[in-house]
Amino acid sequence: MNIKSLIRNVPNFPKEGISYKDVTPLLLNPEAMDFYVQKWANQIDSPIDKVVGIESRGFFFATLLAKKLNAGFVPIRKSGKLPYQTLQESYALEYGKDELEIHTDAIQPRERVLIHDDVLATGGTAKAACNLVERLGGEIVQCNFLIELSFLEGRNQLPGREITSLIQY
């Protein structure tokens, strides 16, 4: 299956000079979604307690992965979006700064966690998510991504982490 054919390139979004990788065409194809969820699940060789999805496009596959792995799903959201007590972590993106939050009771000490997002770009968002999980005592097993923008060297923000990405640009 050719996943790149299911990724739409949107130039100058969300601002001039950014080439946005739009995964929504992939989401229209249930066979492709099943294929990639199975592909990620096959890469996990040990039990997972929680799958963390990073807002918002990380939620799409993280929930499917959680179900496939018989694990709980944990959303990490932008500041002010979660209704209960939260921990916060600031991060830099390729086009600005923001803050992520996680519920304080979402992950218990020593739970094994898979972090999922749609794109690994500069690595700031993934690094912030890892910091939040570890502050709650979770053990990160792997960080996985649908797309990796290799030229932005986001892996450098995640030293020592197991990282998988299905397509690279």
N, C-alpha and C. Protein backbone atom coordinates (compact mmCIF):
# COMPACT_ATOMS: atom_id res chain seq x y z
N MET A 1 0.85 -1.18 0.00
CA MET A 1 0.00 0.00 0.00
C MET A 1 0.89 1.25 0.00
N ASN A 2 0.60 2.18 -0.86
CA ASN A 2 1.40 3.40 -0.99
C ASN A 2 0.79 4.52 -0.15
N ILE A 3 1.30 4.67 1.06
CA ILE A 3 0.74 5.66 1.98
C ILE A 3 0.98 7.09 1.50
N LYS A 4 2.10 7.34 0.86
CA LYS A 4 2.38 8.71 0.42
C LYS A 4 1.30 9.22 -0.53
N SER A 5 0.70 8.31 -1.28
CA SER A 5 -0.36 8.74 -2.19
C SER A 5 -1.62 9.17 -1.43
N LEU A 6 -1.71 8.82 -0.13
CA LEU A 6 -2.86 9.19 0.69
C LEU A 6 -2.59 10.39 1.59
N ILE A 7 -1.43 11.02 1.43
CA ILE A 7 -1.08 12.21 2.21
C ILE A 7 -1.12 13.41 1.27
N ARG A 8 -1.92 14.40 1.65
CA ARG A 8 -2.06 15.60 0.82
C ARG A 8 -1.08 16.66 1.31
N ASN A 9 -0.36 17.27 0.39
CA ASN A 9 0.55 18.36 0.72
C ASN A 9 -0.19 19.69 0.55
N VAL A 10 -0.20 20.51 1.61
CA VAL A 10 -0.88 21.80 1.56
C VAL A 10 0.18 22.89 1.78
N PRO A 11 0.58 23.57 0.71
CA PRO A 11 1.62 24.60 0.85
C PRO A 11 1.12 25.82 1.62
N ASN A 12 2.06 26.42 2.36
CA ASN A 12 1.82 27.67 3.08
C ASN A 12 0.69 27.59 4.10
N PHE A 13 0.61 26.45 4.79
CA PHE A 13 -0.37 26.28 5.86
C PHE A 13 0.33 25.64 7.05
N PRO A 14 0.17 26.13 8.24
CA PRO A 14 -0.73 27.18 8.68
C PRO A 14 -0.18 28.60 8.48
N LYS A 15 1.05 28.68 7.96
CA LYS A 15 1.57 30.00 7.62
C LYS A 15 2.55 29.87 6.48
N GLU A 16 2.91 30.99 5.91
CA GLU A 16 3.82 31.05 4.77
C GLU A 16 5.10 30.26 5.05
N GLY A 17 5.48 29.42 4.08
CA GLY A 17 6.72 28.66 4.19
C GLY A 17 6.57 27.28 4.80
N ILE A 18 5.43 26.98 5.39
CA ILE A 18 5.19 25.66 5.98
C ILE A 18 4.47 24.80 4.95
N SER A 19 4.94 23.58 4.78
CA SER A 19 4.29 22.63 3.88
C SER A 19 3.59 21.57 4.74
N TYR A 20 2.31 21.72 4.92
CA TYR A 20 1.50 20.91 5.82
C TYR A 20 1.20 19.55 5.20
N LYS A 21 1.42 18.49 5.96
CA LYS A 21 1.11 17.13 5.51
C LYS A 21 -0.26 16.76 6.08
N ASP A 22 -1.24 16.70 5.22
CA ASP A 22 -2.63 16.47 5.61
C ASP A 22 -2.96 14.97 5.52
N VAL A 23 -3.30 14.38 6.66
CA VAL A 23 -3.60 12.94 6.72
C VAL A 23 -5.07 12.62 6.49
N THR A 24 -5.91 13.62 6.34
CA THR A 24 -7.34 13.33 6.22
C THR A 24 -7.69 12.45 5.01
N PRO A 25 -7.00 12.53 3.86
CA PRO A 25 -7.32 11.57 2.79
C PRO A 25 -7.08 10.11 3.22
N LEU A 26 -6.06 9.87 4.01
CA LEU A 26 -5.80 8.53 4.53
C LEU A 26 -6.95 8.06 5.41
N LEU A 27 -7.51 8.97 6.20
CA LEU A 27 -8.61 8.62 7.10
C LEU A 27 -9.89 8.24 6.35
N LEU A 28 -9.98 8.61 5.09
CA LEU A 28 -11.14 8.24 4.27
C LEU A 28 -11.08 6.79 3.79
N ASN A 29 -9.94 6.14 3.99
CA ASN A 29 -9.70 4.80 3.47
C ASN A 29 -9.60 3.80 4.62
N PRO A 30 -10.68 3.08 4.97
CA PRO A 30 -10.65 2.17 6.11
C PRO A 30 -9.62 1.04 5.96
N GLU A 31 -9.39 0.58 4.74
CA GLU A 31 -8.38 -0.47 4.53
C GLU A 31 -6.99 0.05 4.87
N ALA A 32 -6.69 1.28 4.47
CA ALA A 32 -5.39 1.87 4.77
C ALA A 32 -5.23 2.08 6.27
N MET A 33 -6.30 2.55 6.94
CA MET A 33 -6.21 2.72 8.39
C MET A 33 -5.93 1.39 9.08
N ASP A 34 -6.66 0.36 8.71
CA ASP A 34 -6.43 -0.97 9.30
C ASP A 34 -5.01 -1.45 9.05
N PHE A 35 -4.54 -1.27 7.82
CA PHE A 35 -3.20 -1.71 7.45
C PHE A 35 -2.14 -1.06 8.34
N TYR A 36 -2.24 0.26 8.54
CA TYR A 36 -1.22 0.95 9.30
C TYR A 36 -1.34 0.72 10.80
N VAL A 37 -2.54 0.57 11.31
CA VAL A 37 -2.69 0.23 12.73
C VAL A 37 -2.06 -1.14 12.99
N GLN A 38 -2.31 -2.10 12.11
CA GLN A 38 -1.71 -3.43 12.26
C GLN A 38 -0.19 -3.36 12.15
N LYS A 39 0.30 -2.56 11.23
CA LYS A 39 1.75 -2.41 11.04
C LYS A 39 2.41 -1.87 12.32
N TRP A 40 1.80 -0.84 12.94
CA TRP A 40 2.33 -0.31 14.20
C TRP A 40 2.23 -1.36 15.30
N ALA A 41 1.09 -2.02 15.40
CA ALA A 41 0.90 -3.02 16.46
C ALA A 41 1.93 -4.13 16.35
N ASN A 42 2.28 -4.52 15.15
CA ASN A 42 3.28 -5.58 14.95
C ASN A 42 4.67 -5.16 15.41
N GLN A 43 4.92 -3.87 15.52
CA GLN A 43 6.24 -3.38 15.95
C GLN A 43 6.40 -3.37 17.46
N ILE A 44 5.32 -3.60 18.18
CA ILE A 44 5.36 -3.60 19.65
C ILE A 44 5.52 -5.03 20.12
N ASP A 45 6.60 -5.30 20.84
CA ASP A 45 6.84 -6.69 21.26
C ASP A 45 6.68 -6.91 22.76
N SER A 46 6.09 -5.95 23.44
CA SER A 46 5.84 -6.11 24.87
C SER A 46 4.53 -5.43 25.23
N PRO A 47 3.94 -5.79 26.36
CA PRO A 47 2.64 -5.20 26.73
C PRO A 47 2.70 -3.68 26.89
N ILE A 48 1.61 -3.03 26.52
CA ILE A 48 1.45 -1.58 26.65
C ILE A 48 0.24 -1.34 27.55
N ASP A 49 0.41 -0.48 28.54
CA ASP A 49 -0.70 -0.14 29.42
C ASP A 49 -1.53 1.03 28.89
N LYS A 50 -0.84 2.03 28.32
CA LYS A 50 -1.52 3.23 27.83
C LYS A 50 -0.91 3.66 26.50
N VAL A 51 -1.79 4.13 25.63
CA VAL A 51 -1.35 4.78 24.40
C VAL A 51 -1.72 6.25 24.53
N VAL A 52 -0.72 7.10 24.41
CA VAL A 52 -0.91 8.55 24.51
C VAL A 52 -1.01 9.11 23.10
N GLY A 53 -2.07 9.85 22.86
CA GLY A 53 -2.24 10.55 21.59
C GLY A 53 -2.09 12.04 21.81
N ILE A 54 -1.35 12.68 20.93
CA ILE A 54 -1.09 14.11 21.06
C ILE A 54 -2.07 14.87 20.17
N GLU A 55 -2.70 15.89 20.76
CA GLU A 55 -3.72 16.70 20.07
C GLU A 55 -3.19 17.26 18.77
N SER A 56 -3.99 17.31 17.82
CA SER A 56 -5.26 16.63 17.72
C SER A 56 -5.19 15.46 16.76
N ARG A 57 -4.34 15.58 15.76
CA ARG A 57 -4.29 14.52 14.76
C ARG A 57 -3.68 13.23 15.30
N GLY A 58 -2.96 13.31 16.39
CA GLY A 58 -2.44 12.10 17.01
C GLY A 58 -3.54 11.23 17.59
N PHE A 59 -4.69 11.84 17.87
CA PHE A 59 -5.82 11.08 18.42
C PHE A 59 -6.34 10.04 17.44
N PHE A 60 -6.30 10.35 16.15
CA PHE A 60 -6.92 9.47 15.15
C PHE A 60 -6.42 8.04 15.26
N PHE A 61 -5.11 7.87 15.21
CA PHE A 61 -4.57 6.52 15.24
C PHE A 61 -4.28 6.03 16.65
N ALA A 62 -4.04 6.93 17.58
CA ALA A 62 -3.75 6.50 18.95
C ALA A 62 -4.91 5.74 19.57
N THR A 63 -6.14 6.19 19.32
CA THR A 63 -7.29 5.48 19.86
C THR A 63 -7.43 4.10 19.22
N LEU A 64 -7.19 4.01 17.92
CA LEU A 64 -7.25 2.71 17.24
C LEU A 64 -6.15 1.78 17.74
N LEU A 65 -4.96 2.32 17.96
CA LEU A 65 -3.86 1.53 18.50
C LEU A 65 -4.15 1.04 19.91
N ALA A 66 -4.72 1.91 20.73
CA ALA A 66 -5.06 1.52 22.10
C ALA A 66 -6.02 0.33 22.08
N LYS A 67 -7.03 0.41 21.24
CA LYS A 67 -7.98 -0.70 21.13
C LYS A 67 -7.29 -1.97 20.66
N LYS A 68 -6.46 -1.85 19.64
CA LYS A 68 -5.76 -3.01 19.07
C LYS A 68 -4.82 -3.64 20.10
N LEU A 69 -4.19 -2.82 20.95
CA LEU A 69 -3.22 -3.30 21.93
C LEU A 69 -3.86 -3.61 23.29
N ASN A 70 -5.19 -3.46 23.37
CA ASN A 70 -5.90 -3.68 24.63
C ASN A 70 -5.33 -2.80 25.74
N ALA A 71 -5.14 -1.54 25.41
CA ALA A 71 -4.55 -0.56 26.33
C ALA A 71 -5.51 0.61 26.49
N GLY A 72 -5.31 1.40 27.52
CA GLY A 72 -6.07 2.62 27.69
C GLY A 72 -5.55 3.71 26.77
N PHE A 73 -6.41 4.67 26.48
CA PHE A 73 -6.03 5.83 25.67
C PHE A 73 -5.95 7.06 26.56
N VAL A 74 -4.88 7.83 26.39
CA VAL A 74 -4.67 9.07 27.15
C VAL A 74 -4.48 10.22 26.17
N PRO A 75 -5.35 11.24 26.24
CA PRO A 75 -5.12 12.41 25.40
C PRO A 75 -4.17 13.40 26.06
N ILE A 76 -3.25 13.91 25.28
CA ILE A 76 -2.46 15.07 25.68
C ILE A 76 -2.96 16.21 24.81
N ARG A 77 -3.38 17.29 25.49
CA ARG A 77 -4.03 18.38 24.78
C ARG A 77 -3.33 19.71 25.00
N LYS A 78 -3.69 20.67 24.21
CA LYS A 78 -3.19 22.03 24.40
C LYS A 78 -3.81 22.61 25.66
N SER A 79 -3.16 23.59 26.20
CA SER A 79 -3.55 24.19 27.48
C SER A 79 -5.01 24.64 27.49
N GLY A 80 -5.69 24.33 28.60
CA GLY A 80 -7.06 24.78 28.80
C GLY A 80 -8.13 23.89 28.20
N LYS A 81 -7.77 22.74 27.63
CA LYS A 81 -8.74 21.87 26.97
C LYS A 81 -9.18 20.69 27.82
N LEU A 82 -8.43 20.33 28.84
CA LEU A 82 -8.79 19.19 29.68
C LEU A 82 -9.53 19.67 30.92
N PRO A 83 -10.59 18.95 31.34
CA PRO A 83 -11.47 19.46 32.39
C PRO A 83 -11.02 19.17 33.83
N TYR A 84 -10.04 18.32 34.03
CA TYR A 84 -9.66 17.91 35.38
C TYR A 84 -8.28 18.48 35.71
N GLN A 85 -7.72 18.11 36.85
CA GLN A 85 -6.39 18.59 37.25
C GLN A 85 -5.34 18.13 36.24
N THR A 86 -4.44 19.05 35.90
CA THR A 86 -3.45 18.74 34.85
C THR A 86 -2.03 19.11 35.26
N LEU A 87 -1.09 18.49 34.55
CA LEU A 87 0.30 18.93 34.53
C LEU A 87 0.51 19.62 33.19
N GLN A 88 1.36 20.64 33.16
CA GLN A 88 1.63 21.37 31.94
C GLN A 88 3.10 21.28 31.57
N GLU A 89 3.36 21.41 30.26
CA GLU A 89 4.73 21.41 29.75
C GLU A 89 4.77 22.32 28.53
N SER A 90 5.65 23.32 28.54
CA SER A 90 5.81 24.21 27.40
C SER A 90 6.69 23.55 26.35
N TYR A 91 6.48 23.92 25.09
CA TYR A 91 7.28 23.36 24.01
C TYR A 91 7.32 24.35 22.85
N ALA A 92 8.31 24.15 21.98
CA ALA A 92 8.44 24.97 20.78
C ALA A 92 8.04 24.13 19.58
N LEU A 93 7.30 24.73 18.64
CA LEU A 93 7.01 24.06 17.39
C LEU A 93 7.79 24.73 16.28
N GLU A 94 7.67 24.17 15.08
CA GLU A 94 8.43 24.75 13.97
C GLU A 94 7.95 26.13 13.61
N TYR A 95 6.77 26.54 14.13
CA TYR A 95 6.25 27.86 13.78
C TYR A 95 5.71 28.61 15.00
N GLY A 96 6.26 28.37 16.20
CA GLY A 96 5.83 29.11 17.39
C GLY A 96 6.07 28.36 18.68
N LYS A 97 5.34 28.74 19.74
CA LYS A 97 5.42 28.11 21.06
C LYS A 97 4.02 27.77 21.53
N ASP A 98 3.93 26.75 22.40
CA ASP A 98 2.64 26.37 22.95
C ASP A 98 2.87 25.60 24.25
N GLU A 99 1.79 25.07 24.81
CA GLU A 99 1.86 24.32 26.06
C GLU A 99 0.92 23.13 25.95
N LEU A 100 1.39 21.97 26.44
CA LEU A 100 0.58 20.76 26.47
C LEU A 100 0.18 20.44 27.90
N GLU A 101 -0.92 19.68 28.04
CA GLU A 101 -1.40 19.26 29.35
C GLU A 101 -1.82 17.79 29.30
N ILE A 102 -1.73 17.17 30.48
CA ILE A 102 -2.20 15.80 30.67
C ILE A 102 -2.92 15.76 32.02
N HIS A 103 -3.96 14.95 32.14
CA HIS A 103 -4.60 14.78 33.44
C HIS A 103 -3.63 14.14 34.42
N THR A 104 -3.67 14.60 35.66
CA THR A 104 -2.73 14.11 36.67
C THR A 104 -2.95 12.65 37.02
N ASP A 105 -4.13 12.11 36.75
CA ASP A 105 -4.40 10.71 37.07
C ASP A 105 -4.40 9.80 35.84
N ALA A 106 -3.90 10.28 34.70
CA ALA A 106 -3.98 9.53 33.45
C ALA A 106 -3.01 8.36 33.38
N ILE A 107 -1.87 8.49 34.02
CA ILE A 107 -0.83 7.46 33.96
C ILE A 107 -0.32 7.21 35.37
N GLN A 108 -0.23 5.94 35.70
CA GLN A 108 0.25 5.54 37.02
C GLN A 108 1.74 5.18 36.94
N PRO A 109 2.47 5.29 38.06
CA PRO A 109 3.90 4.93 38.05
C PRO A 109 4.12 3.53 37.48
N ARG A 110 5.14 3.43 36.65
CA ARG A 110 5.60 2.20 36.02
C ARG A 110 4.69 1.66 34.92
N GLU A 111 3.64 2.39 34.57
CA GLU A 111 2.84 1.94 33.43
C GLU A 111 3.67 2.12 32.16
N ARG A 112 3.51 1.14 31.27
CA ARG A 112 4.25 1.14 30.00
C ARG A 112 3.43 1.90 28.96
N VAL A 113 4.08 2.89 28.34
CA VAL A 113 3.37 3.87 27.51
C VAL A 113 3.94 3.92 26.10
N LEU A 114 3.02 3.96 25.14
CA LEU A 114 3.35 4.21 23.74
C LEU A 114 2.84 5.60 23.42
N ILE A 115 3.70 6.45 22.89
CA ILE A 115 3.31 7.80 22.50
C ILE A 115 3.13 7.83 20.99
N HIS A 116 1.99 8.40 20.55
CA HIS A 116 1.72 8.46 19.11
C HIS A 116 1.31 9.87 18.70
N ASP A 117 1.85 10.29 17.56
CA ASP A 117 1.42 11.53 16.92
C ASP A 117 1.49 11.33 15.42
N ASP A 118 0.87 12.21 14.69
CA ASP A 118 0.85 12.05 13.24
C ASP A 118 2.18 12.42 12.60
N VAL A 119 2.82 13.49 13.09
CA VAL A 119 4.04 13.98 12.45
C VAL A 119 5.12 14.27 13.49
N LEU A 120 6.33 13.80 13.20
CA LEU A 120 7.51 14.21 13.95
C LEU A 120 8.19 15.28 13.10
N ALA A 121 8.17 16.50 13.60
CA ALA A 121 8.79 17.62 12.88
C ALA A 121 10.05 18.04 13.65
N THR A 122 9.99 19.11 14.42
CA THR A 122 11.16 19.57 15.18
C THR A 122 11.39 18.76 16.45
N GLY A 123 10.38 18.01 16.87
CA GLY A 123 10.51 17.17 18.06
C GLY A 123 10.06 17.81 19.34
N GLY A 124 9.73 19.10 19.32
CA GLY A 124 9.34 19.79 20.54
C GLY A 124 8.07 19.25 21.17
N THR A 125 7.07 18.96 20.35
CA THR A 125 5.80 18.44 20.87
C THR A 125 6.01 17.05 21.47
N ALA A 126 6.71 16.19 20.77
CA ALA A 126 6.95 14.83 21.27
C ALA A 126 7.79 14.86 22.55
N LYS A 127 8.78 15.72 22.60
CA LYS A 127 9.60 15.84 23.80
C LYS A 127 8.75 16.29 24.99
N ALA A 128 7.87 17.27 24.78
CA ALA A 128 7.00 17.73 25.86
C ALA A 128 6.08 16.60 26.33
N ALA A 129 5.54 15.82 25.38
CA ALA A 129 4.68 14.69 25.74
C ALA A 129 5.46 13.66 26.56
N CYS A 130 6.67 13.36 26.15
CA CYS A 130 7.51 12.42 26.91
C CYS A 130 7.77 12.94 28.32
N ASN A 131 8.06 14.22 28.44
CA ASN A 131 8.30 14.80 29.76
C ASN A 131 7.07 14.68 30.66
N LEU A 132 5.89 14.92 30.10
CA LEU A 132 4.66 14.81 30.89
C LEU A 132 4.45 13.37 31.37
N VAL A 133 4.62 12.41 30.48
CA VAL A 133 4.44 11.00 30.84
C VAL A 133 5.42 10.61 31.94
N GLU A 134 6.66 11.01 31.79
CA GLU A 134 7.67 10.65 32.79
C GLU A 134 7.46 11.37 34.11
N ARG A 135 6.95 12.58 34.08
CA ARG A 135 6.64 13.28 35.33
C ARG A 135 5.57 12.54 36.13
N LEU A 136 4.70 11.80 35.43
CA LEU A 136 3.67 11.00 36.10
C LEU A 136 4.18 9.60 36.48
N GLY A 137 5.42 9.29 36.11
CA GLY A 137 6.00 8.00 36.46
C GLY A 137 5.87 6.93 35.41
N GLY A 138 5.34 7.29 34.23
CA GLY A 138 5.20 6.31 33.15
C GLY A 138 6.54 5.98 32.52
N GLU A 139 6.61 4.77 31.95
CA GLU A 139 7.80 4.30 31.24
C GLU A 139 7.49 4.28 29.75
N ILE A 140 8.19 5.09 29.00
CA ILE A 140 7.92 5.20 27.57
C ILE A 140 8.61 4.05 26.84
N VAL A 141 7.80 3.23 26.19
CA VAL A 141 8.29 2.09 25.44
C VAL A 141 8.71 2.51 24.03
N GLN A 142 7.90 3.38 23.43
CA GLN A 142 8.16 3.78 22.05
C GLN A 142 7.41 5.07 21.74
N CYS A 143 7.96 5.84 20.80
CA CYS A 143 7.27 6.98 20.21
C CYS A 143 7.08 6.63 18.74
N ASN A 144 5.84 6.69 18.27
CA ASN A 144 5.67 6.40 16.86
C ASN A 144 4.87 7.50 16.17
N PHE A 145 5.14 7.59 14.87
CA PHE A 145 4.61 8.67 14.05
C PHE A 145 4.22 8.12 12.69
N LEU A 146 3.21 8.68 12.11
CA LEU A 146 2.86 8.33 10.75
C LEU A 146 3.91 8.91 9.80
N ILE A 147 4.25 10.18 9.99
CA ILE A 147 5.15 10.92 9.10
C ILE A 147 6.31 11.49 9.91
N GLU A 148 7.50 11.44 9.34
CA GLU A 148 8.66 12.10 9.92
C GLU A 148 9.24 13.07 8.90
N LEU A 149 9.37 14.32 9.29
CA LEU A 149 10.03 15.33 8.46
C LEU A 149 11.51 15.32 8.84
N SER A 150 12.24 14.38 8.26
CA SER A 150 13.63 14.11 8.66
C SER A 150 14.53 15.34 8.59
N PHE A 151 14.29 16.21 7.64
CA PHE A 151 15.13 17.39 7.47
C PHE A 151 15.04 18.36 8.65
N LEU A 152 14.02 18.22 9.50
CA LEU A 152 13.90 19.06 10.69
C LEU A 152 14.59 18.45 11.92
N GLU A 153 15.08 17.23 11.78
CA GLU A 153 15.90 16.56 12.80
C GLU A 153 15.22 16.45 14.16
N GLY A 154 13.92 16.17 14.17
CA GLY A 154 13.18 16.03 15.41
C GLY A 154 13.66 14.91 16.30
N ARG A 155 14.26 13.87 15.71
CA ARG A 155 14.81 12.77 16.51
C ARG A 155 15.84 13.25 17.52
N ASN A 156 16.53 14.33 17.19
CA ASN A 156 17.56 14.86 18.09
C ASN A 156 16.98 15.33 19.42
N GLN A 157 15.68 15.64 19.45
CA GLN A 157 15.02 16.06 20.68
C GLN A 157 14.61 14.86 21.55
N LEU A 158 14.77 13.65 21.03
CA LEU A 158 14.31 12.45 21.71
C LEU A 158 15.44 11.43 21.86
N PRO A 159 16.60 11.84 22.42
CA PRO A 159 17.73 10.92 22.50
C PRO A 159 17.40 9.69 23.36
N GLY A 160 17.85 8.54 22.89
CA GLY A 160 17.66 7.30 23.63
C GLY A 160 16.26 6.71 23.53
N ARG A 161 15.38 7.33 22.78
CA ARG A 161 14.01 6.84 22.63
C ARG A 161 13.91 5.90 21.43
N GLU A 162 13.07 4.89 21.56
CA GLU A 162 12.72 4.04 20.43
C GLU A 162 11.70 4.83 19.59
N ILE A 163 12.04 5.10 18.33
CA ILE A 163 11.19 5.92 17.47
C ILE A 163 10.91 5.16 16.18
N THR A 164 9.64 5.13 15.79
CA THR A 164 9.29 4.57 14.48
C THR A 164 8.45 5.60 13.74
N SER A 165 8.66 5.64 12.44
CA SER A 165 7.82 6.46 11.57
C SER A 165 7.61 5.66 10.28
N LEU A 166 6.41 5.74 9.74
CA LEU A 166 6.09 4.93 8.58
C LEU A 166 6.53 5.56 7.26
N ILE A 167 6.51 6.89 7.20
CA ILE A 167 7.02 7.55 5.99
C ILE A 167 7.87 8.74 6.39
N GLN A 168 8.87 9.00 5.56
CA GLN A 168 9.80 10.10 5.81
C GLN A 168 9.82 11.03 4.61
N TYR A 169 9.95 12.30 4.92
CA TYR A 169 10.13 13.32 3.89
C TYR A 169 11.44 14.04 4.19
